[in-house]
Amino acid sequence: MFAELITDSPTRESWWAHARCADGTGDQTHLFFSEELQDIAAAKRICAECPVMAECLEGALDRREPWGVWGGQLIAHGRVLAHKRRRGRPPKVPRPEDHIPQIPLPVQLRDRVGAA
């Protein structure tokens, strides 16, 4: 799915085949590059069960990806976002569909991530 976004390299070859989002069809791409909270939450749930989540996030940080969900983290303007909410005034009662799962950062990448 993201093969066109990731350059061919020995590192990519070693982990890309195991990524949960690499289904070969690109059908899930809209989830990983959406502004909609429900799509972002769905992408993060896919990442949460991925065996190569840390490698994906590390690659995104190395490439300075400008936005999207990478390795279970939401990236905007090249930085990992700790939180995201809808535009406009927050509702008095939080919407269940707006809940975005919090996925812990891999220990080895915590010092590299400047959460916004």
Protein backbone atom coordinates (compact mmCIF):
# COMPACT_ATOMS: atom_id res chain seq x y z
CA MET A 1 0.00 0.00 0.00
CA PHE A 2 2.64 2.55 0.93
CA ALA A 3 5.26 0.97 -1.32
CA GLU A 4 5.23 3.99 -3.62
CA LEU A 5 5.99 6.23 -0.63
CA ILE A 6 8.91 4.21 0.66
CA THR A 7 12.10 3.96 -1.33
CA ASP A 8 13.51 0.55 -2.09
CA SER A 9 16.26 -0.36 0.32
CA PRO A 10 17.52 -3.41 2.18
CA THR A 11 15.84 -2.08 5.33
CA ARG A 12 12.46 -1.81 3.61
CA GLU A 13 12.80 -5.27 2.15
CA SER A 14 13.40 -6.81 5.57
CA TRP A 15 10.17 -5.62 7.25
CA TRP A 16 7.71 -4.38 4.63
CA ALA A 17 6.37 -7.85 3.79
CA HIS A 18 5.12 -8.21 7.37
CA ALA A 19 3.22 -4.89 7.60
CA ARG A 20 -0.52 -5.27 8.20
CA CYS A 21 -1.30 -2.32 5.91
CA ALA A 22 0.66 -3.79 2.98
CA ASP A 23 -2.27 -5.60 1.44
CA GLY A 24 -1.12 -4.94 -2.13
CA THR A 25 -4.37 -3.26 -3.14
CA GLY A 26 -4.03 0.22 -1.66
CA ASP A 27 -7.63 0.00 -0.42
CA GLN A 28 -6.65 1.23 3.06
CA THR A 29 -4.58 4.24 1.98
CA HIS A 30 -7.42 6.69 2.64
CA LEU A 31 -7.46 5.64 6.32
CA PHE A 32 -3.79 6.43 6.86
CA PHE A 33 -3.92 9.87 5.19
CA SER A 34 -7.32 11.13 6.31
CA GLU A 35 -8.32 14.13 8.40
CA GLU A 36 -11.39 12.28 9.72
CA LEU A 37 -11.05 11.05 13.30
CA GLN A 38 -12.84 7.76 12.54
CA ASP A 39 -10.40 6.98 9.72
CA ILE A 40 -7.39 7.88 11.87
CA ALA A 41 -8.72 5.65 14.66
CA ALA A 42 -9.18 2.77 12.19
CA ALA A 43 -5.63 3.20 10.88
CA LYS A 44 -4.22 3.25 14.40
CA ARG A 45 -6.13 0.06 15.25
CA ILE A 46 -4.53 -1.64 12.24
CA CYS A 47 -1.10 -0.45 13.39
CA ALA A 48 -1.70 -1.57 16.98
CA GLU A 49 -1.64 -5.21 15.87
CA CYS A 50 1.20 -4.85 13.38
CA PRO A 51 4.40 -6.80 14.07
CA VAL A 52 6.57 -4.14 12.37
CA MET A 53 5.04 -1.05 13.97
CA ALA A 54 8.37 0.20 15.38
CA GLU A 55 10.18 -0.22 12.06
CA CYS A 56 7.42 1.69 10.27
CA LEU A 57 7.55 4.61 12.70
CA GLU A 58 11.34 4.68 12.62
CA GLY A 59 11.28 4.80 8.81
CA ALA A 60 8.73 7.61 8.84
CA LEU A 61 10.88 9.61 11.25
CA ASP A 62 14.00 8.96 9.13
CA ARG A 63 12.18 10.12 5.99
CA ARG A 64 10.60 13.07 7.82
CA GLU A 65 7.13 12.10 6.63
CA PRO A 66 4.97 15.23 6.59
CA TRP A 67 1.67 13.62 7.64
CA GLY A 68 -0.34 10.43 8.05
CA VAL A 69 -0.51 7.50 10.44
CA TRP A 70 2.83 5.71 10.59
CA GLY A 71 3.76 3.03 13.09
CA GLY A 72 0.64 3.69 15.13
CA GLN A 73 1.33 7.40 15.53
CA LEU A 74 -0.38 10.35 13.89
CA ILE A 75 2.12 12.65 12.21
CA ALA A 76 1.33 16.21 11.15
CA HIS A 77 3.88 18.70 9.84
CA GLY A 78 6.60 16.12 10.46
CA ARG A 79 5.87 15.75 14.18
CA VAL A 80 4.03 13.12 16.19
CA LEU A 81 0.76 14.48 17.54
CA ALA A 82 -0.22 13.45 21.04
CA HIS A 83 -3.90 14.39 20.49
CA LYS A 84 -6.25 15.36 17.70
CA ARG A 85 -9.80 16.63 17.87
CA ARG A 86 -12.46 17.80 15.44
CA ARG A 87 -12.45 21.35 14.19
CA GLY A 88 -14.71 23.81 15.95
CA ARG A 89 -16.15 23.84 19.41
CA PRO A 90 -15.77 20.56 21.31
CA PRO A 91 -19.08 18.84 22.11
CA LYS A 92 -20.33 18.89 25.70
CA VAL A 93 -20.56 15.12 25.60
CA PRO A 94 -17.61 13.43 23.84
CA ARG A 95 -18.59 11.41 20.79
CA PRO A 96 -17.54 7.75 21.08
CA GLU A 97 -16.63 7.69 17.38
CA ASP A 98 -14.11 10.49 17.98
CA HIS A 99 -11.99 8.39 20.34
CA ILE A 100 -8.55 7.80 18.85
CA PRO A 101 -6.62 4.92 20.41
CA GLN A 102 -3.41 5.87 22.20
CA ILE A 103 -0.63 3.55 21.10
CA PRO A 104 2.53 3.67 23.21
CA LEU A 105 5.70 4.77 21.46
CA PRO A 106 8.31 2.05 21.05
CA VAL A 107 10.90 2.46 23.81
CA GLN A 108 13.81 2.78 21.39
CA LEU A 109 12.13 5.73 19.58
CA ARG A 110 10.92 7.79 22.54
CA ASP A 111 13.95 10.09 22.52
CA ARG A 112 13.49 10.80 18.77
CA VAL A 113 9.85 11.79 18.95
CA GLY A 114 8.96 15.35 19.80
CA ALA A 115 5.25 15.06 20.49
CA ALA A 116 3.29 18.16 19.57
